[in-house]
Structures are given as C-alpha cells and as structure tokens.
C-alpha cells in the first residue's frame, strides 16, 4: 500500500515538473533617444524587457564595458559611475546599490532588466504600443525618446523633400494639436489619432514607420526646442497630392511653405 502511494506521488511530481515551463519570451524592439538598439536582440518575458548591457550603455554614451573573468561578471564604468551584472546571483549593482533581477548570458552578451538599469542611472523607460517595444530616454537627454522617435518620423514621411523651414512647420502642426483641446494631448496620440479617420497619410500607407532622415531628426529636435515656422496652424496639405477639399471649406488659410499649405 505504501509502495503504491509512493509511486503515485512520484508520478504526480513528474507530471507536474513536466508541465511547468518557463514563461515564454519574445523579441521586441527597444529605442534609446529615438534610435533603435542594433546590438543583439531584446526580449520581453513576464512583463520585463531584457537588453544587452553593452548595447544599452553604448547608446547612453561614455561607458566602457567589459567581462571580468575573475569574478565572472559583466562590468562597466563611466567616470565615477559603475555597473556590475552578476549572472550567477541574478543581481545588477549600480553605483554600489544592488538590485535583484534576472541576468543571463546569451551568445557572448550579458542581458539585464532594462528598466532596472535605466532608471537606476537616472533615465526613464516607457512602453510604446505603436513601436511594440520600449522607449528609453537616457540620463540627461534633452527630449523624451518617444516624442523624438515619432515626431522625427512623421516629419520625414510628410516632408523629407522640404527645406528645414518646411519640415519644422510640419512638426509645429503636431505640437499645436497636442496643445489644442480638440486633439489628443501627446505627440504619438496626435500622430496616430483616428477619431475622425486617419489624420496623417503616412500612418495609413505605413511610411511613418520608416527610419527618418538626419535632417528630419534635426527638425524634430528644433521643434521640441521651441522653434516655430507655422504659427498656430493645425492643418496642412500638399496640393500636388491632395485637393484638400475639407480643409479649404472649413479652415482659415494661413500660409504656404514649400509644397504645403497651412491652415488654422
């Protein structure tokens, strides 16, 4: 009787162990200050995003990263700051303070929990549903990473052939809408607004997802810094591509810059 009971318990334990699996992970993009990380891949597992330590710190700039073979840890330094990632203990130590979290090595890269390290160093992390990944604003950055990422892309998709004045004007319209009560109150929400159908053609044709030109990134930064060439304009269209029937009938014309007409 005891033997049968023991066998039954062992069988149940074996079945339980066989059916318990690690939480699934998937590859996700991560961008830092508007630029997507290119070193290795990034994983999302159980709500935590893991990134290569070197890739993240290289994106932050000014860090030296190495593998300490004597301690079997990844280490990094920037001036008086230091980081140690210990795979055997699942800890990340930042400037003397230790945080618990999964740390692992894959294909020669040490992976750490993104939010843990970024926030410990003074940066910030937000989940971007349009990107399908994480947006990281590095410590001391001048602009929010998600705002810069999408503003530079909509400017590039709408006006990459325009001069700087025209590209800044397109960005101004986005920020003017953020400030207006009849539109959403964030840059990504304005760009992807569908309350009255798609607001920007690049959202419907997919060109908003393409990498922006360097000129458009500069234009986005200048817009975020307060430069304005479009006044209070809330609408624009290119006559060569659209008749602008609704805008002409319902909005007040303001000015023409390059290939675009701007309206209040």
C-alpha atoms as a PDB file:
ATOM      1  CA  UNK A   1       0.000   0.000   0.000  1.00  0.00           C
ATOM      2  CA  UNK A   2       2.808   2.395   0.975  1.00  0.00           C
ATOM      3  CA  UNK A   3       4.718   1.483  -2.170  1.00  0.00           C
ATOM      4  CA  UNK A   4       1.699   2.255  -4.384  1.00  0.00           C
ATOM      5  CA  UNK A   5       1.193   5.577  -2.608  1.00  0.00           C
ATOM      6  CA  UNK A   6       4.858   6.500  -3.066  1.00  0.00           C
ATOM      7  CA  UNK A   7       4.736   5.581  -6.750  1.00  0.00           C
ATOM      8  CA  UNK A   8       1.623   7.669  -7.175  1.00  0.00           C
ATOM      9  CA  UNK A   9       3.246  10.684  -5.547  1.00  0.00           C
ATOM     10  CA  UNK A  10       6.360  10.318  -7.705  1.00  0.00           C
ATOM     11  CA  UNK A  11       4.241  10.050 -10.842  1.00  0.00           C
ATOM     12  CA  UNK A  12       2.285  13.167  -9.908  1.00  0.00           C
ATOM     13  CA  UNK A  13       5.508  15.066  -9.190  1.00  0.00           C
ATOM     14  CA  UNK A  14       6.997  14.003 -12.519  1.00  0.00           C
ATOM     15  CA  UNK A  15       3.873  15.112 -14.357  1.00  0.00           C
ATOM     16  CA  UNK A  16       3.868  18.457 -12.562  1.00  0.00           C
ATOM     17  CA  UNK A  17       7.522  19.114 -13.364  1.00  0.00           C
ATOM     18  CA  UNK A  18       6.962  18.174 -16.964  1.00  0.00           C
ATOM     19  CA  UNK A  19       4.056  20.558 -17.384  1.00  0.00           C
ATOM     20  CA  UNK A  20       5.639  23.572 -15.636  1.00  0.00           C
ATOM     21  CA  UNK A  21       7.509  25.585 -18.266  1.00  0.00           C
ATOM     22  CA  UNK A  22       9.419  28.814 -18.176  1.00  0.00           C
ATOM     23  CA  UNK A  23       7.425  31.893 -19.107  1.00  0.00           C
ATOM     24  CA  UNK A  24       7.580  32.424 -22.880  1.00  0.00           C
ATOM     25  CA  UNK A  25       9.695  35.280 -24.191  1.00  0.00           C
ATOM     26  CA  UNK A  26       9.509  37.240 -27.418  1.00  0.00           C
ATOM     27  CA  UNK A  27      11.823  39.556 -29.281  1.00  0.00           C
ATOM     28  CA  UNK A  28      10.901  43.247 -29.053  1.00  0.00           C
ATOM     29  CA  UNK A  29      12.465  46.467 -30.348  1.00  0.00           C
ATOM     30  CA  UNK A  30      13.997  48.968 -27.948  1.00  0.00           C
ATOM     31  CA  UNK A  31      14.865  52.527 -28.895  1.00  0.00           C
ATOM     32  CA  UNK A  32      17.044  54.958 -26.977  1.00  0.00           C
ATOM     33  CA  UNK A  33      16.590  58.682 -27.625  1.00  0.00           C
ATOM     34  CA  UNK A  34      14.932  57.953 -30.957  1.00  0.00           C
ATOM     35  CA  UNK A  35      17.414  55.358 -32.242  1.00  0.00           C
ATOM     36  CA  UNK A  36      16.642  51.626 -32.206  1.00  0.00           C
ATOM     37  CA  UNK A  37      19.232  49.435 -30.484  1.00  0.00           C
ATOM     38  CA  UNK A  38      21.092  47.318 -33.034  1.00  0.00           C
ATOM     39  CA  UNK A  39      23.364  45.174 -30.844  1.00  0.00           C
ATOM     40  CA  UNK A  40      21.865  41.722 -30.343  1.00  0.00           C
ATOM     41  CA  UNK A  41      18.158  41.205 -29.722  1.00  0.00           C
ATOM     42  CA  UNK A  42      15.922  42.301 -26.868  1.00  0.00           C
ATOM     43  CA  UNK A  43      13.488  40.032 -25.045  1.00  0.00           C
ATOM     44  CA  UNK A  44      10.199  40.567 -23.269  1.00  0.00           C
ATOM     45  CA  UNK A  45       9.474  37.931 -20.639  1.00  0.00           C
ATOM     46  CA  UNK A  46       6.810  38.088 -17.914  1.00  0.00           C
ATOM     47  CA  UNK A  47       6.458  41.829 -18.433  1.00  0.00           C
ATOM     48  CA  UNK A  48      10.195  42.522 -18.142  1.00  0.00           C
ATOM     49  CA  UNK A  49      12.329  43.693 -21.073  1.00  0.00           C
ATOM     50  CA  UNK A  50      15.905  42.386 -21.198  1.00  0.00           C
ATOM     51  CA  UNK A  51      18.612  44.091 -23.253  1.00  0.00           C
ATOM     52  CA  UNK A  52      22.347  43.555 -23.783  1.00  0.00           C
ATOM     53  CA  UNK A  53      24.259  45.586 -21.206  1.00  0.00           C
ATOM     54  CA  UNK A  54      26.812  46.843 -23.723  1.00  0.00           C
ATOM     55  CA  UNK A  55      24.172  47.826 -26.276  1.00  0.00           C
ATOM     56  CA  UNK A  56      22.268  49.961 -23.782  1.00  0.00           C
ATOM     57  CA  UNK A  57      25.330  51.660 -22.287  1.00  0.00           C
ATOM     58  CA  UNK A  58      26.846  52.303 -25.727  1.00  0.00           C
ATOM     59  CA  UNK A  59      23.588  54.058 -26.628  1.00  0.00           C
ATOM     60  CA  UNK A  60      23.852  56.148 -23.453  1.00  0.00           C
ATOM     61  CA  UNK A  61      27.399  57.083 -24.433  1.00  0.00           C
ATOM     62  CA  UNK A  62      30.588  57.483 -22.432  1.00  0.00           C
ATOM     63  CA  UNK A  63      30.669  53.979 -20.915  1.00  0.00           C
ATOM     64  CA  UNK A  64      33.374  51.307 -21.004  1.00  0.00           C
ATOM     65  CA  UNK A  65      32.026  47.753 -20.746  1.00  0.00           C
ATOM     66  CA  UNK A  66      33.996  44.535 -20.218  1.00  0.00           C
ATOM     67  CA  UNK A  67      33.730  40.978 -18.929  1.00  0.00           C
ATOM     68  CA  UNK A  68      35.532  40.392 -15.624  1.00  0.00           C
ATOM     69  CA  UNK A  69      36.607  36.756 -15.996  1.00  0.00           C
ATOM     70  CA  UNK A  70      37.979  36.526 -12.434  1.00  0.00           C
ATOM     71  CA  UNK A  71      34.595  37.387 -10.893  1.00  0.00           C
ATOM     72  CA  UNK A  72      32.530  36.054 -13.811  1.00  0.00           C
ATOM     73  CA  UNK A  73      30.532  39.287 -14.041  1.00  0.00           C
ATOM     74  CA  UNK A  74      29.963  41.963 -16.654  1.00  0.00           C
ATOM     75  CA  UNK A  75      31.303  45.321 -15.521  1.00  0.00           C
ATOM     76  CA  UNK A  76      31.033  48.883 -16.783  1.00  0.00           C
ATOM     77  CA  UNK A  77      32.319  52.302 -15.785  1.00  0.00           C
ATOM     78  CA  UNK A  78      31.747  55.922 -16.750  1.00  0.00           C
ATOM     79  CA  UNK A  79      33.627  58.483 -14.703  1.00  0.00           C
ATOM     80  CA  UNK A  80      32.639  57.901 -11.081  1.00  0.00           C
ATOM     81  CA  UNK A  81      29.724  55.629 -12.024  1.00  0.00           C
ATOM     82  CA  UNK A  82      29.899  51.832 -12.091  1.00  0.00           C
ATOM     83  CA  UNK A  83      27.698  48.893 -13.043  1.00  0.00           C
ATOM     84  CA  UNK A  84      28.153  45.186 -12.328  1.00  0.00           C
ATOM     85  CA  UNK A  85      25.850  42.472 -13.679  1.00  0.00           C
ATOM     86  CA  UNK A  86      26.173  39.084 -11.993  1.00  0.00           C
ATOM     87  CA  UNK A  87      24.511  36.160 -13.840  1.00  0.00           C
ATOM     88  CA  UNK A  88      25.154  33.639 -11.046  1.00  0.00           C
ATOM     89  CA  UNK A  89      23.437  35.790  -8.428  1.00  0.00           C
ATOM     90  CA  UNK A  90      20.886  37.473 -10.701  1.00  0.00           C
ATOM     91  CA  UNK A  91      21.838  40.919  -9.472  1.00  0.00           C
ATOM     92  CA  UNK A  92      22.719  44.264 -11.008  1.00  0.00           C
ATOM     93  CA  UNK A  93      24.780  46.646  -8.883  1.00  0.00           C
ATOM     94  CA  UNK A  94      24.656  50.321  -9.850  1.00  0.00           C
ATOM     95  CA  UNK A  95      26.905  52.784  -8.054  1.00  0.00           C
ATOM     96  CA  UNK A  96      27.116  50.480  -5.034  1.00  0.00           C
ATOM     97  CA  UNK A  97      23.400  49.683  -4.788  1.00  0.00           C
ATOM     98  CA  UNK A  98      22.340  46.145  -5.654  1.00  0.00           C
ATOM     99  CA  UNK A  99      19.091  45.244  -7.413  1.00  0.00           C
ATOM    100  CA  UNK A 100      17.662  41.748  -7.832  1.00  0.00           C
ATOM    101  CA  UNK A 101      16.605  40.672 -11.303  1.00  0.00           C
ATOM    102  CA  UNK A 102      17.304  38.021 -13.870  1.00  0.00           C
ATOM    103  CA  UNK A 103      20.732  38.345 -15.519  1.00  0.00           C
ATOM    104  CA  UNK A 104      21.834  35.919 -18.207  1.00  0.00           C
ATOM    105  CA  UNK A 105      24.462  35.458 -20.888  1.00  0.00           C
ATOM    106  CA  UNK A 106      23.500  34.574 -24.445  1.00  0.00           C
ATOM    107  CA  UNK A 107      25.880  34.388 -27.399  1.00  0.00           C
ATOM    108  CA  UNK A 108      28.527  36.300 -25.518  1.00  0.00           C
ATOM    109  CA  UNK A 109      26.207  39.112 -24.465  1.00  0.00           C
ATOM    110  CA  UNK A 110      25.132  39.820 -20.897  1.00  0.00           C
ATOM    111  CA  UNK A 111      21.434  40.626 -20.614  1.00  0.00           C
ATOM    112  CA  UNK A 112      19.996  42.781 -17.850  1.00  0.00           C
ATOM    113  CA  UNK A 113      16.490  44.059 -16.940  1.00  0.00           C
ATOM    114  CA  UNK A 114      16.131  47.261 -18.952  1.00  0.00           C
ATOM    115  CA  UNK A 115      14.035  49.327 -16.554  1.00  0.00           C
ATOM    116  CA  UNK A 116      16.159  48.403 -13.541  1.00  0.00           C
ATOM    117  CA  UNK A 117      19.376  49.726 -15.037  1.00  0.00           C
ATOM    118  CA  UNK A 118      17.964  52.666 -16.993  1.00  0.00           C
ATOM    119  CA  UNK A 119      16.103  54.136 -14.035  1.00  0.00           C
ATOM    120  CA  UNK A 120      18.936  53.437 -11.594  1.00  0.00           C
ATOM    121  CA  UNK A 121      21.180  55.573 -13.815  1.00  0.00           C
ATOM    122  CA  UNK A 122      18.622  58.389 -13.952  1.00  0.00           C
ATOM    123  CA  UNK A 123      16.908  57.604 -17.262  1.00  0.00           C
ATOM    124  CA  UNK A 124      13.314  56.592 -17.895  1.00  0.00           C
ATOM    125  CA  UNK A 125      11.521  53.787 -19.744  1.00  0.00           C
ATOM    126  CA  UNK A 126       8.040  53.718 -21.277  1.00  0.00           C
ATOM    127  CA  UNK A 127       6.216  51.056 -23.261  1.00  0.00           C
ATOM    128  CA  UNK A 128       5.366  52.291 -26.761  1.00  0.00           C
ATOM    129  CA  UNK A 129       2.374  50.393 -28.186  1.00  0.00           C
ATOM    130  CA  UNK A 130       2.952  51.781 -31.692  1.00  0.00           C
ATOM    131  CA  UNK A 131       6.564  50.595 -31.673  1.00  0.00           C
ATOM    132  CA  UNK A 132       5.629  47.377 -29.911  1.00  0.00           C
ATOM    133  CA  UNK A 133       8.611  47.819 -27.649  1.00  0.00           C
ATOM    134  CA  UNK A 134      10.312  50.053 -25.111  1.00  0.00           C
ATOM    135  CA  UNK A 135      11.274  53.699 -25.465  1.00  0.00           C
ATOM    136  CA  UNK A 136      14.239  54.731 -23.324  1.00  0.00           C
ATOM    137  CA  UNK A 137      15.119  58.317 -22.501  1.00  0.00           C
ATOM    138  CA  UNK A 138      18.765  58.336 -21.478  1.00  0.00           C
ATOM    139  CA  UNK A 139      20.014  60.148 -18.361  1.00  0.00           C
ATOM    140  CA  UNK A 140      20.267  63.871 -19.087  1.00  0.00           C
ATOM    141  CA  UNK A 141      18.617  63.651 -22.523  1.00  0.00           C
ATOM    142  CA  UNK A 142      17.110  66.871 -23.868  1.00  0.00           C
ATOM    143  CA  UNK A 143      13.984  65.219 -25.275  1.00  0.00           C
ATOM    144  CA  UNK A 144      11.575  62.428 -24.434  1.00  0.00           C
ATOM    145  CA  UNK A 145      12.566  59.393 -26.512  1.00  0.00           C
ATOM    146  CA  UNK A 146       9.046  58.514 -27.657  1.00  0.00           C
ATOM    147  CA  UNK A 147       8.280  62.097 -28.702  1.00  0.00           C
ATOM    148  CA  UNK A 148      11.516  62.411 -30.677  1.00  0.00           C
ATOM    149  CA  UNK A 149      11.090  58.990 -32.292  1.00  0.00           C
ATOM    150  CA  UNK A 150       7.618  59.632 -33.710  1.00  0.00           C
ATOM    151  CA  UNK A 151       7.923  63.353 -34.402  1.00  0.00           C
ATOM    152  CA  UNK A 152      11.056  62.822 -36.498  1.00  0.00           C
ATOM    153  CA  UNK A 153       9.312  60.028 -38.410  1.00  0.00           C
ATOM    154  CA  UNK A 154       6.137  61.956 -39.216  1.00  0.00           C
ATOM    155  CA  UNK A 155       8.215  64.956 -40.308  1.00  0.00           C
ATOM    156  CA  UNK A 156      10.356  62.728 -42.530  1.00  0.00           C
ATOM    157  CA  UNK A 157       7.389  60.879 -44.025  1.00  0.00           C
ATOM    158  CA  UNK A 158       5.404  64.065 -44.690  1.00  0.00           C
ATOM    159  CA  UNK A 159       8.150  66.435 -45.798  1.00  0.00           C
ATOM    160  CA  UNK A 160      11.534  64.805 -46.332  1.00  0.00           C
ATOM    161  CA  UNK A 161      11.896  66.735 -49.613  1.00  0.00           C
ATOM    162  CA  UNK A 162      11.240  70.109 -47.962  1.00  0.00           C
ATOM    163  CA  UNK A 163      13.755  72.592 -46.617  1.00  0.00           C
ATOM    164  CA  UNK A 164      14.275  72.944 -42.874  1.00  0.00           C
ATOM    165  CA  UNK A 165      11.633  75.667 -42.585  1.00  0.00           C
ATOM    166  CA  UNK A 166       9.030  73.382 -44.152  1.00  0.00           C
ATOM    167  CA  UNK A 167       9.980  70.386 -42.050  1.00  0.00           C
ATOM    168  CA  UNK A 168       9.817  72.409 -38.840  1.00  0.00           C
ATOM    169  CA  UNK A 169       6.381  73.665 -39.898  1.00  0.00           C
ATOM    170  CA  UNK A 170       5.057  70.107 -40.199  1.00  0.00           C
ATOM    171  CA  UNK A 171       6.354  69.367 -36.712  1.00  0.00           C
ATOM    172  CA  UNK A 172       4.739  72.582 -35.437  1.00  0.00           C
ATOM    173  CA  UNK A 173       1.320  71.356 -36.563  1.00  0.00           C
ATOM    174  CA  UNK A 174       1.747  68.215 -34.472  1.00  0.00           C
ATOM    175  CA  UNK A 175       2.710  70.172 -31.355  1.00  0.00           C
ATOM    176  CA  UNK A 176      -0.065  72.714 -31.957  1.00  0.00           C
ATOM    177  CA  UNK A 177      -2.527  69.840 -31.955  1.00  0.00           C
ATOM    178  CA  UNK A 178      -1.088  68.479 -28.718  1.00  0.00           C
ATOM    179  CA  UNK A 179      -1.831  71.873 -27.142  1.00  0.00           C
ATOM    180  CA  UNK A 180      -5.341  72.147 -28.650  1.00  0.00           C
ATOM    181  CA  UNK A 181      -8.251  70.765 -26.624  1.00  0.00           C
ATOM    182  CA  UNK A 182      -9.915  69.108 -29.627  1.00  0.00           C
ATOM    183  CA  UNK A 183      -6.951  66.780 -30.224  1.00  0.00           C
ATOM    184  CA  UNK A 184      -5.123  64.189 -28.094  1.00  0.00           C
ATOM    185  CA  UNK A 185      -2.541  65.552 -25.668  1.00  0.00           C
ATOM    186  CA  UNK A 186       0.585  63.592 -26.619  1.00  0.00           C
ATOM    187  CA  UNK A 187       2.692  63.531 -29.771  1.00  0.00           C
ATOM    188  CA  UNK A 188       2.200  59.806 -30.551  1.00  0.00           C
ATOM    189  CA  UNK A 189      -1.547  60.076 -29.853  1.00  0.00           C
ATOM    190  CA  UNK A 190      -1.878  63.025 -32.250  1.00  0.00           C
ATOM    191  CA  UNK A 191       0.048  61.241 -34.990  1.00  0.00           C
ATOM    192  CA  UNK A 192      -1.995  58.042 -34.679  1.00  0.00           C
ATOM    193  CA  UNK A 193      -5.322  59.787 -33.949  1.00  0.00           C
ATOM    194  CA  UNK A 194      -8.230  58.049 -35.702  1.00  0.00           C
ATOM    195  CA  UNK A 195     -11.156  59.890 -34.124  1.00  0.00           C
ATOM    196  CA  UNK A 196     -12.177  61.355 -37.468  1.00  0.00           C
ATOM    197  CA  UNK A 197     -10.392  58.880 -39.720  1.00  0.00           C
ATOM    198  CA  UNK A 198      -6.593  58.748 -40.099  1.00  0.00           C
ATOM    199  CA  UNK A 199      -5.150  62.241 -39.698  1.00  0.00           C
ATOM    200  CA  UNK A 200      -1.826  61.765 -41.479  1.00  0.00           C
ATOM    201  CA  UNK A 201      -1.389  59.858 -44.749  1.00  0.00           C
ATOM    202  CA  UNK A 202       1.929  58.233 -43.677  1.00  0.00           C
ATOM    203  CA  UNK A 203       0.026  56.432 -40.906  1.00  0.00           C
ATOM    204  CA  UNK A 204      -2.276  54.769 -43.425  1.00  0.00           C
ATOM    205  CA  UNK A 205       0.414  53.949 -46.007  1.00  0.00           C
ATOM    206  CA  UNK A 206       2.993  52.860 -43.427  1.00  0.00           C
ATOM    207  CA  UNK A 207       5.755  55.324 -44.301  1.00  0.00           C
ATOM    208  CA  UNK A 208       5.640  56.732 -40.757  1.00  0.00           C
ATOM    209  CA  UNK A 209       7.407  53.552 -39.647  1.00  0.00           C
ATOM    210  CA  UNK A 210      10.410  54.142 -41.921  1.00  0.00           C
ATOM    211  CA  UNK A 211      13.684  55.482 -40.472  1.00  0.00           C
ATOM    212  CA  UNK A 212      13.769  59.287 -40.622  1.00  0.00           C
ATOM    213  CA  UNK A 213      16.392  61.320 -42.436  1.00  0.00           C
ATOM    214  CA  UNK A 214      19.050  63.047 -40.361  1.00  0.00           C
ATOM    215  CA  UNK A 215      17.550  66.364 -41.448  1.00  0.00           C
ATOM    216  CA  UNK A 216      14.133  65.342 -40.109  1.00  0.00           C
ATOM    217  CA  UNK A 217      15.641  64.299 -36.777  1.00  0.00           C
ATOM    218  CA  UNK A 218      17.261  67.730 -36.546  1.00  0.00           C
ATOM    219  CA  UNK A 219      13.936  69.369 -37.441  1.00  0.00           C
ATOM    220  CA  UNK A 220      12.149  67.374 -34.724  1.00  0.00           C
ATOM    221  CA  UNK A 221      14.706  68.440 -32.120  1.00  0.00           C
ATOM    222  CA  UNK A 222      14.354  72.073 -33.153  1.00  0.00           C
ATOM    223  CA  UNK A 223      10.573  71.842 -32.919  1.00  0.00           C
ATOM    224  CA  UNK A 224      10.818  70.281 -29.454  1.00  0.00           C
ATOM    225  CA  UNK A 225      13.190  73.107 -28.527  1.00  0.00           C
ATOM    226  CA  UNK A 226      10.507  75.639 -29.422  1.00  0.00           C
ATOM    227  CA  UNK A 227      11.255  76.733 -32.997  1.00  0.00           C
ATOM    228  CA  UNK A 228       8.120  77.639 -34.925  1.00  0.00           C
ATOM    229  CA  UNK A 229       7.640  78.472 -38.597  1.00  0.00           C
ATOM    230  CA  UNK A 230       3.943  77.559 -38.914  1.00  0.00           C
ATOM    231  CA  UNK A 231       2.448  79.830 -36.269  1.00  0.00           C
ATOM    232  CA  UNK A 232      -0.735  78.351 -34.824  1.00  0.00           C
ATOM    233  CA  UNK A 233      -1.514  76.144 -37.827  1.00  0.00           C
ATOM    234  CA  UNK A 234      -3.445  72.944 -37.053  1.00  0.00           C
ATOM    235  CA  UNK A 235      -3.759  71.577 -40.585  1.00  0.00           C
ATOM    236  CA  UNK A 236      -1.730  71.297 -43.757  1.00  0.00           C
ATOM    237  CA  UNK A 237      -1.846  69.504 -47.074  1.00  0.00           C
ATOM    238  CA  UNK A 238       0.184  69.271 -50.274  1.00  0.00           C
ATOM    239  CA  UNK A 239      -1.867  70.447 -53.291  1.00  0.00           C
ATOM    240  CA  UNK A 240       0.178  68.187 -55.562  1.00  0.00           C
ATOM    241  CA  UNK A 241      -1.071  65.151 -53.648  1.00  0.00           C
ATOM    242  CA  UNK A 242      -4.479  66.179 -52.340  1.00  0.00           C
ATOM    243  CA  UNK A 243      -7.311  68.560 -53.179  1.00  0.00           C
ATOM    244  CA  UNK A 244      -7.726  69.457 -49.514  1.00  0.00           C
ATOM    245  CA  UNK A 245     -11.461  69.830 -50.028  1.00  0.00           C
ATOM    246  CA  UNK A 246     -12.492  69.685 -46.366  1.00  0.00           C
ATOM    247  CA  UNK A 247      -9.641  71.916 -45.180  1.00  0.00           C
ATOM    248  CA  UNK A 248     -10.342  74.582 -47.796  1.00  0.00           C
ATOM    249  CA  UNK A 249     -14.032  74.586 -46.926  1.00  0.00           C
ATOM    250  CA  UNK A 250     -13.684  74.595 -43.156  1.00  0.00           C
ATOM    251  CA  UNK A 251     -10.364  76.109 -42.088  1.00  0.00           C
ATOM    252  CA  UNK A 252      -8.726  79.528 -42.497  1.00  0.00           C
ATOM    253  CA  UNK A 253      -5.710  79.661 -44.791  1.00  0.00           C
ATOM    254  CA  UNK A 254      -2.522  80.846 -43.090  1.00  0.00           C
ATOM    255  CA  UNK A 255       0.486  80.451 -45.370  1.00  0.00           C
ATOM    256  CA  UNK A 256       2.307  78.276 -47.888  1.00  0.00           C
ATOM    257  CA  UNK A 257       5.728  76.844 -47.108  1.00  0.00           C
ATOM    258  CA  UNK A 258       7.355  74.828 -49.839  1.00  0.00           C
ATOM    259  CA  UNK A 259       4.896  72.223 -51.112  1.00  0.00           C
ATOM    260  CA  UNK A 260       2.453  72.551 -48.212  1.00  0.00           C
ATOM    261  CA  UNK A 261      -0.422  74.887 -47.463  1.00  0.00           C
ATOM    262  CA  UNK A 262      -1.057  75.567 -43.779  1.00  0.00           C
ATOM    263  CA  UNK A 263      -4.408  76.360 -42.132  1.00  0.00           C
ATOM    264  CA  UNK A 264      -5.664  77.451 -38.732  1.00  0.00           C
END
